[in-house]
Amino acid sequence: MSSDVTNATTAAGSSAAGTAVTPGTTVTKPGRAGRWIDDWRPEDPSFWENGGRRVAWRNLVWSVTSEHIGFSIWSIWSVMVLFLGPAYGIDPAGKFLLTALPTLVGATLRLPYTFAVATFGGRNFTIAAALLLLIPTIFIAIVLEPGVSYTTLLIAAATAGVGGGNFASSMTNINSFYPQREKGWALGLNAGGGNLGVAVVQLIGLLVLATAGVDNPRVMVAIYIPLIVIAALGSALKMDNLTVASNAKGALREVCRDGHTWIISLLYIGTFGSFIGFGFAFGQVLQVQFTKTPLQAAYLTFLGPLLGSLIRPYGGMLADRLGGSRVTFFNFIAMAVGASVVLIAALNQTLPLYLAGFILLFIFSGLGNGSVYKMIPAIFAAKAAKKVRAGTELQVAAVESARLSGALIGIAGAIGAFGGVLVNLAFRQSFLATKSANAAYVSFIVFYAICFVVTYAVYIRKSDKSLEGV
């Protein structure tokens, strides 16, 4: 973002804030529930260094905590299906549907969760979103036992989708706390900490399988229910609502008319859709294609999501330094190579090479998650700078950039999560049609090729010179 647009953002934040207060000072006004900060100017260096950074970090920590647990509950059925032995009478295709359903529900919830921050406040909605996670965990505790109907299991799996919505509200909220120059790092850390929930729930599943055994799936939710309560309580005590964190009316409609919305969403299907889809399906694929026991599968599944989550912040940091489009372009080439390695290993039934290929896919999907999300504010910052050069008032251009970025974060997050549904459905159809996952791997390679061609054509070649810096 140009310095003029940055200054405009600062001015806009200051004018919207009302009465200035010390950074971190919360106020309570009639008709508004919770802790609110009316004066928030992260682009102002003095404001940021004299308390603003500390407040942003405190909110980031509890945002990550709630989102992390949300991801764990969202992906808990990737572990629960490992407990569903012969006594439950569910075939592999049925298990893939159980993991696809929470992905679908979570993707659908991401849009309303995005705009809930503006309606209720970031702190207030984080508390509510955390408490909603009690629904799927209590549901599992009540119904999961041999003899339960498949329809009941589908309903139980669907309720876990509430955990998938947490990402959108968390990212939208943290986007408002941090200055443009640190958004790549902050959003990457926020998302990476959340993504880590996929690996952690699988590690906990491994621990439960190794100690309590395959007949005790309820131990999983016994661990998570108190953690959910702690996340809600910590959010209530430590987080704040920002008055300026609002998605202006009509932002969603305007963003939907912008072609970049659908390009970014396509790219995010390739990165996040791959990460969450593989995270949900990997254990089942190992059981079916390599005839592994639930415990053996659990031993092998957690490493990929763990590495993919840890590397996501570095994708944002690389994008801050090199440009999001460049990182994303080379990332998709690497993902196509990783999928090719997986295909070759599957054809030759070589498990070590197969695991290496999947680990590459998880690493580069995590890296790409960070770089694609960094492209969102960069695109609208470039558009704002162009409008300023054309004579648009500075404050108007800056506010427009901020509100449209927030809307696109929600849309891309929702559509990208649908990619996880497609991954699970691709595996399901491949096993139904060919008794192996090889056809699914070919489709992934083709899709990644489309993504790196699109990234090059739109953002690397830059037929639109105003996108410099994206």
Protein backbone atom coordinates (compact mmCIF):
# COMPACT_ATOMS: atom_id res chain seq x y z
CA MET A 1 0.00 0.00 0.00
CA SER A 2 1.30 3.49 -0.82
CA SER A 3 2.12 5.85 2.03
CA ASP A 4 -0.79 8.11 1.01
CA VAL A 5 -3.27 5.26 1.30
CA THR A 6 -1.72 4.16 4.59
CA ASN A 7 -2.11 7.68 5.95
CA ALA A 8 -5.68 7.74 4.76
CA THR A 9 -6.37 4.48 6.59
CA THR A 10 -4.97 6.05 9.76
CA ALA A 11 -7.09 9.13 9.34
CA ALA A 12 -10.18 7.09 8.61
CA GLY A 13 -9.62 4.93 11.69
CA SER A 14 -9.15 8.01 13.84
CA SER A 15 -12.27 9.74 12.59
CA ALA A 16 -14.37 6.62 13.01
CA ALA A 17 -13.13 6.06 16.50
CA GLY A 18 -14.72 8.94 18.31
CA THR A 19 -13.07 10.03 21.51
CA ALA A 20 -9.40 9.02 21.64
CA VAL A 21 -8.28 6.75 24.44
CA THR A 22 -5.04 5.10 25.46
CA PRO A 23 -4.38 1.97 23.38
CA GLY A 24 -6.04 -0.97 25.08
CA THR A 25 -8.53 1.13 27.05
CA THR A 26 -11.96 -0.49 26.81
CA VAL A 27 -15.20 1.35 27.22
CA THR A 28 -18.74 0.26 27.92
CA LYS A 29 -21.61 2.21 26.46
CA PRO A 30 -25.37 1.78 26.91
CA GLY A 31 -26.82 -0.70 24.43
CA ARG A 32 -23.50 -2.43 23.72
CA ALA A 33 -22.52 -5.66 25.46
CA GLY A 34 -18.91 -6.50 26.27
CA ARG A 35 -15.57 -4.69 26.08
CA TRP A 36 -15.24 -2.18 23.23
CA ILE A 37 -12.28 -0.13 21.98
CA ASP A 38 -13.46 3.01 20.20
CA ASP A 39 -10.06 4.39 19.18
CA TRP A 40 -7.96 1.96 17.16
CA ARG A 41 -5.22 3.26 14.80
CA PRO A 42 -2.71 0.48 14.04
CA GLU A 43 -1.25 2.35 11.06
CA ASP A 44 -0.13 5.13 13.42
CA PRO A 45 3.42 4.09 14.52
CA SER A 46 3.19 5.93 17.83
CA PHE A 47 -0.19 4.39 18.67
CA TRP A 48 1.05 0.94 17.66
CA GLU A 49 4.27 1.00 19.68
CA ASN A 50 2.71 2.61 22.76
CA GLY A 51 0.20 -0.09 23.62
CA GLY A 52 -1.49 -0.98 20.34
CA ARG A 53 0.80 -3.91 19.56
CA ARG A 54 0.31 -5.36 23.05
CA VAL A 55 -3.48 -5.21 22.77
CA ALA A 56 -3.42 -6.75 19.29
CA TRP A 57 -1.19 -9.58 20.52
CA ARG A 58 -3.48 -10.33 23.48
CA ASN A 59 -6.46 -10.61 21.15
CA LEU A 60 -4.46 -12.68 18.68
CA VAL A 61 -3.49 -15.21 21.36
CA TRP A 62 -7.07 -15.92 22.39
CA SER A 63 -8.31 -15.78 18.82
CA VAL A 64 -5.78 -18.48 17.91
CA THR A 65 -6.79 -20.54 20.97
CA SER A 66 -10.48 -20.54 20.07
CA GLU A 67 -9.83 -21.10 16.38
CA HIS A 68 -7.40 -23.94 17.15
CA ILE A 69 -10.00 -25.81 19.17
CA GLY A 70 -12.56 -25.04 16.46
CA PHE A 71 -10.36 -26.70 13.84
CA SER A 72 -9.90 -29.72 16.13
CA ILE A 73 -13.64 -30.19 16.53
CA TRP A 74 -14.22 -29.54 12.82
CA SER A 75 -11.77 -32.31 11.92
CA ILE A 76 -12.58 -34.63 14.83
CA TRP A 77 -14.45 -37.00 12.52
CA SER A 78 -11.21 -37.69 10.65
CA VAL A 79 -10.28 -39.43 13.92
CA MET A 80 -13.70 -40.74 14.94
CA VAL A 81 -13.99 -42.83 11.75
CA LEU A 82 -10.88 -44.74 12.89
CA PHE A 83 -12.93 -45.93 15.86
CA LEU A 84 -15.78 -47.15 13.64
CA GLY A 85 -14.84 -50.82 13.30
CA PRO A 86 -16.87 -53.73 11.89
CA ALA A 87 -19.45 -53.42 14.70
CA TYR A 88 -20.67 -50.17 13.16
CA GLY A 89 -21.18 -51.69 9.68
CA ILE A 90 -19.89 -48.71 7.66
CA ASP A 91 -17.93 -49.19 4.42
CA PRO A 92 -15.07 -46.87 3.25
CA ALA A 93 -17.41 -44.82 1.01
CA GLY A 94 -19.70 -44.24 4.00
CA LYS A 95 -16.77 -43.08 6.12
CA PHE A 96 -15.64 -40.59 3.46
CA LEU A 97 -19.14 -39.11 3.57
CA LEU A 98 -18.88 -38.74 7.35
CA THR A 99 -15.72 -36.66 6.91
CA ALA A 100 -17.06 -34.69 3.93
CA LEU A 101 -20.22 -33.55 5.73
CA PRO A 102 -18.61 -31.42 8.48
CA THR A 103 -16.38 -29.89 5.81
CA LEU A 104 -19.48 -28.88 3.83
CA VAL A 105 -21.29 -27.44 6.85
CA GLY A 106 -18.18 -25.57 8.03
CA ALA A 107 -17.66 -24.06 4.58
CA THR A 108 -21.27 -22.89 4.47
CA LEU A 109 -21.03 -21.28 7.91
CA ARG A 110 -17.94 -19.26 7.03
CA LEU A 111 -19.90 -16.50 5.29
CA PRO A 112 -22.27 -15.69 8.19
CA TYR A 113 -19.37 -16.07 10.62
CA THR A 114 -17.41 -13.45 8.67
CA PHE A 115 -20.09 -10.82 9.05
CA ALA A 116 -20.97 -11.79 12.61
CA VAL A 117 -17.85 -9.93 13.79
CA ALA A 118 -19.28 -6.65 12.52
CA THR A 119 -22.71 -7.36 13.96
CA PHE A 120 -21.79 -8.61 17.44
CA GLY A 121 -18.14 -7.63 17.94
CA GLY A 122 -15.05 -9.82 17.64
CA ARG A 123 -14.80 -10.68 21.35
CA ASN A 124 -18.51 -11.32 21.77
CA PHE A 125 -18.75 -13.61 18.78
CA THR A 126 -15.56 -15.49 19.66
CA ILE A 127 -17.16 -16.43 22.99
CA ALA A 128 -20.35 -17.61 21.26
CA ALA A 129 -18.44 -19.51 18.56
CA ALA A 130 -16.40 -21.33 21.22
CA LEU A 131 -19.48 -22.34 23.21
CA LEU A 132 -21.14 -23.70 20.05
CA LEU A 133 -18.38 -26.31 19.93
CA LEU A 134 -20.05 -28.01 22.91
CA ILE A 135 -22.87 -29.16 20.60
CA PRO A 136 -20.88 -31.64 18.46
CA THR A 137 -18.79 -32.87 21.39
CA ILE A 138 -21.78 -33.57 23.62
CA PHE A 139 -23.56 -35.15 20.64
CA ILE A 140 -20.68 -37.63 20.21
CA ALA A 141 -20.67 -38.39 23.94
CA ILE A 142 -24.35 -39.31 23.79
CA VAL A 143 -24.76 -41.29 20.56
CA LEU A 144 -21.45 -42.91 19.56
CA GLU A 145 -21.70 -46.64 20.24
CA PRO A 146 -22.18 -49.80 18.15
CA GLY A 147 -25.73 -50.08 16.85
CA VAL A 148 -26.21 -46.34 16.31
CA SER A 149 -27.90 -45.60 12.99
CA TYR A 150 -25.88 -44.18 10.12
CA THR A 151 -28.33 -41.27 9.86
CA THR A 152 -27.61 -40.33 13.48
CA LEU A 153 -23.87 -40.43 12.76
CA LEU A 154 -24.39 -38.15 9.75
CA ILE A 155 -26.24 -35.64 11.94
CA ALA A 156 -23.52 -35.84 14.59
CA ALA A 157 -20.83 -35.28 11.95
CA ALA A 158 -22.75 -32.34 10.48
CA THR A 159 -22.84 -30.52 13.84
CA ALA A 160 -19.03 -30.60 13.90
CA GLY A 161 -19.17 -28.13 11.02
CA VAL A 162 -19.58 -25.28 13.52
CA GLY A 163 -15.85 -25.58 14.16
CA GLY A 164 -15.12 -24.72 10.54
CA GLY A 165 -16.83 -21.35 10.79
CA ASN A 166 -14.46 -20.13 13.53
CA PHE A 167 -11.70 -19.53 11.00
CA ALA A 168 -13.66 -16.88 9.09
CA SER A 169 -14.71 -14.84 12.12
CA SER A 170 -11.24 -15.10 13.65
CA MET A 171 -9.43 -13.98 10.48
CA THR A 172 -11.84 -11.09 9.90
CA ASN A 173 -11.40 -9.95 13.50
CA ILE A 174 -7.58 -10.14 13.55
CA ASN A 175 -7.39 -8.42 10.14
CA SER A 176 -8.78 -5.31 11.85
CA PHE A 177 -6.26 -5.37 14.70
CA TYR A 178 -3.02 -5.34 12.67
CA PRO A 179 -1.43 -2.73 10.36
CA GLN A 180 -1.02 -3.46 6.66
CA ARG A 181 2.73 -4.01 7.02
CA GLU A 182 2.20 -6.89 9.48
CA LYS A 183 -0.98 -8.48 8.14
CA GLY A 184 0.82 -11.29 6.32
CA TRP A 185 2.56 -12.39 9.51
CA ALA A 186 -0.43 -11.89 11.81
CA LEU A 187 -2.98 -13.57 9.55
CA GLY A 188 -0.54 -16.39 8.85
CA LEU A 189 0.05 -16.97 12.57
CA ASN A 190 -3.65 -16.79 13.32
CA ALA A 191 -4.54 -19.24 10.57
CA GLY A 192 -1.54 -21.50 11.20
CA GLY A 193 -2.39 -21.80 14.88
CA GLY A 194 -5.92 -22.72 13.88
CA ASN A 195 -4.83 -25.21 11.23
CA LEU A 196 -2.65 -26.86 13.87
CA GLY A 197 -5.86 -28.11 15.45
CA VAL A 198 -6.08 -30.72 12.69
CA ALA A 199 -2.73 -32.23 13.67
CA VAL A 200 -3.39 -31.96 17.40
CA VAL A 201 -6.74 -33.77 17.27
CA GLN A 202 -5.04 -36.55 15.33
CA LEU A 203 -2.25 -36.75 17.91
CA ILE A 204 -4.85 -36.96 20.67
CA GLY A 205 -6.64 -39.64 18.64
CA LEU A 206 -3.38 -41.58 18.44
CA LEU A 207 -2.93 -41.27 22.20
CA VAL A 208 -6.48 -42.47 22.87
CA LEU A 209 -6.18 -45.40 20.44
CA ALA A 210 -2.84 -46.44 21.97
CA THR A 211 -4.05 -46.23 25.58
CA ALA A 212 -7.84 -46.48 25.92
CA GLY A 213 -8.22 -48.53 22.71
CA VAL A 214 -10.51 -48.52 19.69
CA ASP A 215 -13.60 -49.19 21.83
CA ASN A 216 -13.41 -45.88 23.74
CA PRO A 217 -14.05 -42.99 21.32
CA ARG A 218 -15.80 -40.92 24.00
CA VAL A 219 -12.44 -40.23 25.64
CA MET A 220 -11.79 -37.81 22.75
CA VAL A 221 -14.63 -35.48 23.71
CA ALA A 222 -13.91 -35.87 27.42
CA ILE A 223 -10.59 -34.18 26.65
CA TYR A 224 -12.03 -31.40 24.51
CA ILE A 225 -15.11 -30.30 26.48
CA PRO A 226 -13.10 -28.63 29.30
CA LEU A 227 -10.76 -27.03 26.73
CA ILE A 228 -13.77 -25.47 25.00
CA VAL A 229 -14.94 -23.95 28.28
CA ILE A 230 -11.44 -22.55 28.95
CA ALA A 231 -11.32 -20.97 25.46
CA ALA A 232 -14.69 -19.29 25.96
CA LEU A 233 -13.74 -18.01 29.41
CA GLY A 234 -10.34 -16.70 28.25
CA SER A 235 -11.97 -14.90 25.31
CA ALA A 236 -14.47 -13.27 27.65
CA LEU A 237 -11.75 -12.05 30.04
CA LYS A 238 -8.98 -11.06 27.61
CA MET A 239 -10.42 -10.08 24.22
CA ASP A 240 -11.89 -6.80 22.96
CA ASN A 241 -14.42 -5.62 20.39
CA LEU A 242 -13.30 -2.96 17.90
CA THR A 243 -15.78 -0.28 16.93
CA VAL A 244 -13.99 0.19 13.59
CA ALA A 245 -14.13 -3.53 12.72
CA SER A 246 -17.22 -3.31 10.59
CA ASN A 247 -18.07 -4.70 7.18
CA ALA A 248 -19.95 -1.88 5.48
CA LYS A 249 -23.35 -2.69 4.02
CA GLY A 250 -23.06 -3.97 0.49
CA ALA A 251 -19.43 -5.09 0.72
CA LEU A 252 -20.30 -8.71 -0.02
CA ARG A 253 -22.32 -7.74 -3.08
CA GLU A 254 -19.57 -5.47 -4.38
CA VAL A 255 -16.84 -8.07 -3.88
CA CYS A 256 -18.89 -10.72 -5.69
CA ARG A 257 -18.82 -8.48 -8.79
CA ASP A 258 -15.02 -8.30 -8.71
CA GLY A 259 -13.29 -10.92 -10.88
CA HIS A 260 -10.38 -11.19 -8.44
CA THR A 261 -12.77 -12.64 -5.86
CA TRP A 262 -13.30 -15.76 -7.94
CA ILE A 263 -9.64 -16.07 -8.92
CA ILE A 264 -8.49 -15.87 -5.28
CA SER A 265 -11.22 -18.33 -4.29
CA LEU A 266 -10.05 -20.77 -6.97
CA LEU A 267 -6.49 -20.54 -5.67
CA TYR A 268 -7.65 -21.02 -2.08
CA ILE A 269 -9.54 -24.16 -3.09
CA GLY A 270 -6.17 -25.46 -4.27
CA THR A 271 -4.31 -24.62 -1.07
CA PHE A 272 -6.70 -24.73 1.88
CA GLY A 273 -9.07 -27.19 0.19
CA SER A 274 -6.13 -29.55 -0.20
CA PHE A 275 -4.94 -29.04 3.38
CA ILE A 276 -8.28 -29.67 5.06
CA GLY A 277 -9.39 -32.34 2.59
CA PHE A 278 -6.20 -34.38 2.95
CA GLY A 279 -6.26 -33.85 6.71
CA PHE A 280 -9.74 -35.38 6.90
CA ALA A 281 -9.15 -38.21 4.42
CA PHE A 282 -5.52 -39.30 4.84
CA GLY A 283 -6.09 -41.80 7.65
CA GLN A 284 -8.89 -43.53 5.75
CA VAL A 285 -6.84 -43.70 2.55
CA LEU A 286 -4.02 -45.41 4.43
CA GLN A 287 -6.45 -47.94 5.91
CA VAL A 288 -8.02 -48.79 2.57
CA GLN A 289 -5.12 -48.51 0.10
CA PHE A 290 -2.34 -49.81 2.36
CA THR A 291 -4.52 -51.98 4.71
CA LYS A 292 -3.31 -50.25 7.87
CA THR A 293 -4.99 -50.74 11.24
CA PRO A 294 -6.59 -47.68 12.91
CA LEU A 295 -3.62 -47.35 15.27
CA GLN A 296 -1.07 -47.67 12.45
CA ALA A 297 -2.97 -45.07 10.41
CA ALA A 298 -3.07 -42.69 13.37
CA TYR A 299 0.70 -43.01 13.79
CA LEU A 300 1.21 -41.82 10.20
CA THR A 301 -1.45 -39.14 9.69
CA PHE A 302 -0.56 -36.33 12.09
CA LEU A 303 2.84 -35.30 10.70
CA GLY A 304 1.55 -33.79 7.45
CA PRO A 305 -1.09 -31.51 9.04
CA LEU A 306 1.43 -30.57 11.75
CA LEU A 307 4.06 -29.39 9.25
CA GLY A 308 1.46 -27.71 7.02
CA SER A 309 0.11 -25.74 9.98
CA LEU A 310 3.50 -24.69 11.31
CA ILE A 311 4.67 -23.43 7.94
CA ARG A 312 1.58 -21.33 7.15
CA PRO A 313 2.87 -18.17 8.91
CA TYR A 314 6.05 -18.43 6.83
CA GLY A 315 3.91 -18.38 3.69
CA GLY A 316 2.56 -15.02 4.82
CA MET A 317 6.04 -13.78 5.74
CA LEU A 318 7.47 -14.82 2.36
CA ALA A 319 4.56 -13.08 0.68
CA ASP A 320 5.24 -9.92 2.70
CA ARG A 321 8.80 -9.97 1.35
CA LEU A 322 8.54 -11.43 -2.17
CA GLY A 323 4.92 -10.82 -3.14
CA GLY A 324 2.01 -13.20 -2.65
CA SER A 325 1.57 -14.05 -6.32
CA ARG A 326 5.19 -15.18 -6.78
CA VAL A 327 5.10 -17.41 -3.73
CA THR A 328 1.72 -18.82 -4.77
CA PHE A 329 2.86 -19.54 -8.34
CA PHE A 330 5.90 -21.60 -7.36
CA ASN A 331 3.93 -23.19 -4.56
CA PHE A 332 1.38 -24.71 -6.97
CA ILE A 333 4.19 -26.11 -9.11
CA ALA A 334 5.56 -27.80 -5.99
CA MET A 335 2.09 -29.16 -5.12
CA ALA A 336 1.74 -30.68 -8.60
CA VAL A 337 5.12 -32.36 -8.10
CA GLY A 338 4.04 -33.65 -4.67
CA ALA A 339 0.80 -35.10 -6.08
CA SER A 340 2.81 -36.77 -8.87
CA VAL A 341 5.07 -38.39 -6.26
CA VAL A 342 2.00 -39.68 -4.42
CA LEU A 343 0.57 -41.14 -7.65
CA ILE A 344 3.83 -42.91 -8.56
CA ALA A 345 4.12 -44.30 -5.02
CA ALA A 346 0.50 -45.52 -5.05
CA LEU A 347 0.97 -47.26 -8.40
CA ASN A 348 4.03 -49.04 -7.03
CA GLN A 349 2.61 -49.58 -3.52
CA THR A 350 5.66 -47.87 -2.00
CA LEU A 351 4.57 -46.58 1.41
CA PRO A 352 7.69 -44.50 2.34
CA LEU A 353 7.56 -42.59 -0.98
CA TYR A 354 3.80 -42.24 -0.60
CA LEU A 355 4.20 -40.66 2.83
CA ALA A 356 6.95 -38.35 1.54
CA GLY A 357 4.69 -37.15 -1.29
CA PHE A 358 1.81 -36.45 1.07
CA ILE A 359 4.05 -34.59 3.50
CA LEU A 360 5.15 -32.39 0.59
CA LEU A 361 1.50 -31.74 -0.26
CA PHE A 362 0.72 -30.73 3.32
CA ILE A 363 3.79 -28.47 3.57
CA PHE A 364 3.10 -26.62 0.33
CA SER A 365 -0.63 -26.38 0.90
CA GLY A 366 0.18 -24.71 4.25
CA LEU A 367 2.69 -22.37 2.65
CA GLY A 368 0.19 -21.50 -0.08
CA ASN A 369 -2.55 -20.80 2.44
CA GLY A 370 -0.43 -17.98 3.85
CA SER A 371 0.60 -16.53 0.48
CA VAL A 372 -2.90 -16.58 -1.05
CA TYR A 373 -4.42 -14.83 1.97
CA LYS A 374 -1.73 -12.16 1.85
CA MET A 375 -2.77 -11.45 -1.76
CA ILE A 376 -6.23 -10.28 -0.63
CA PRO A 377 -5.30 -7.00 1.14
CA ALA A 378 -2.54 -6.44 -1.45
CA ILE A 379 -5.05 -6.54 -4.33
CA PHE A 380 -7.34 -3.99 -2.73
CA ALA A 381 -4.43 -1.81 -1.61
CA ALA A 382 -3.28 -1.69 -5.25
CA LYS A 383 -6.81 -0.79 -6.37
CA ALA A 384 -6.99 1.94 -3.72
CA ALA A 385 -3.67 3.43 -4.85
CA LYS A 386 -4.94 3.50 -8.43
CA LYS A 387 -8.10 5.34 -7.36
CA VAL A 388 -6.02 7.90 -5.44
CA ARG A 389 -3.92 8.58 -8.53
CA ALA A 390 -7.18 9.08 -10.45
CA GLY A 391 -8.33 11.70 -7.97
CA THR A 392 -10.39 9.78 -5.44
CA GLU A 393 -10.25 11.17 -1.92
CA LEU A 394 -7.60 9.38 0.18
CA GLN A 395 -9.86 8.44 3.07
CA VAL A 396 -12.56 7.07 0.78
CA ALA A 397 -10.09 4.84 -1.10
CA ALA A 398 -8.53 3.51 2.11
CA VAL A 399 -11.82 2.67 3.81
CA GLU A 400 -13.03 1.00 0.61
CA SER A 401 -9.88 -1.14 0.51
CA ALA A 402 -10.28 -2.27 4.12
CA ARG A 403 -13.95 -3.20 3.93
CA LEU A 404 -13.64 -5.11 0.64
CA SER A 405 -10.61 -7.02 1.93
CA GLY A 406 -12.64 -8.17 4.94
CA ALA A 407 -15.49 -9.34 2.73
CA LEU A 408 -13.18 -11.28 0.42
CA ILE A 409 -11.48 -12.97 3.37
CA GLY A 410 -14.86 -14.46 4.26
CA ILE A 411 -15.81 -15.48 0.72
CA ALA A 412 -12.44 -17.05 -0.09
CA GLY A 413 -12.39 -18.86 3.23
CA ALA A 414 -15.83 -20.34 2.59
CA ILE A 415 -15.18 -21.38 -1.01
CA GLY A 416 -11.72 -22.70 -0.14
CA ALA A 417 -13.24 -24.93 2.54
CA PHE A 418 -15.58 -26.38 -0.09
CA GLY A 419 -12.39 -27.65 -1.70
CA GLY A 420 -12.04 -29.99 1.27
CA VAL A 421 -15.46 -31.43 0.40
CA LEU A 422 -14.32 -31.97 -3.19
CA VAL A 423 -11.17 -33.79 -2.04
CA ASN A 424 -13.19 -36.22 0.08
CA LEU A 425 -15.74 -36.74 -2.68
CA ALA A 426 -12.93 -37.32 -5.19
CA PHE A 427 -11.46 -40.02 -2.95
CA ARG A 428 -14.92 -41.55 -2.38
CA GLN A 429 -15.74 -41.68 -6.09
CA SER A 430 -12.30 -43.01 -6.99
CA PHE A 431 -12.63 -45.89 -4.49
CA LEU A 432 -16.18 -46.64 -5.64
CA ALA A 433 -15.18 -46.71 -9.31
CA THR A 434 -11.68 -48.21 -9.27
CA LYS A 435 -11.11 -49.57 -5.72
CA SER A 436 -8.10 -47.21 -5.40
CA ALA A 437 -7.38 -43.48 -4.99
CA ASN A 438 -5.27 -43.16 -8.15
CA ALA A 439 -7.92 -41.38 -10.23
CA ALA A 440 -8.26 -38.80 -7.45
CA TYR A 441 -4.51 -38.09 -7.54
CA VAL A 442 -4.64 -37.45 -11.30
CA SER A 443 -7.46 -34.93 -10.78
CA PHE A 444 -5.42 -33.12 -8.11
CA ILE A 445 -2.40 -32.81 -10.45
CA VAL A 446 -4.60 -31.32 -13.19
CA PHE A 447 -6.18 -28.84 -10.78
CA TYR A 448 -2.83 -27.63 -9.43
CA ALA A 449 -1.65 -27.12 -13.01
CA ILE A 450 -4.71 -24.95 -13.69
CA CYS A 451 -3.95 -22.92 -10.54
CA PHE A 452 -0.33 -22.12 -11.39
CA VAL A 453 -1.30 -21.20 -14.98
CA VAL A 454 -4.02 -18.84 -13.70
CA THR A 455 -1.66 -17.29 -11.12
CA TYR A 456 0.93 -16.64 -13.82
CA ALA A 457 -1.55 -15.24 -16.34
CA VAL A 458 -3.28 -12.84 -13.95
CA TYR A 459 -0.69 -11.82 -11.35
CA ILE A 460 2.81 -12.72 -12.59
CA ARG A 461 2.52 -11.59 -16.20
CA LYS A 462 0.45 -8.59 -14.99
CA SER A 463 -1.59 -7.50 -17.98
CA ASP A 464 -3.12 -5.10 -15.41
CA LYS A 465 -0.14 -2.96 -14.35
CA SER A 466 -2.07 -1.59 -11.37
CA LEU A 467 -1.59 -4.96 -9.64
CA GLU A 468 2.13 -4.31 -9.09
CA GLY A 469 3.09 -5.60 -5.66
CA VAL A 470 0.37 -8.26 -5.38
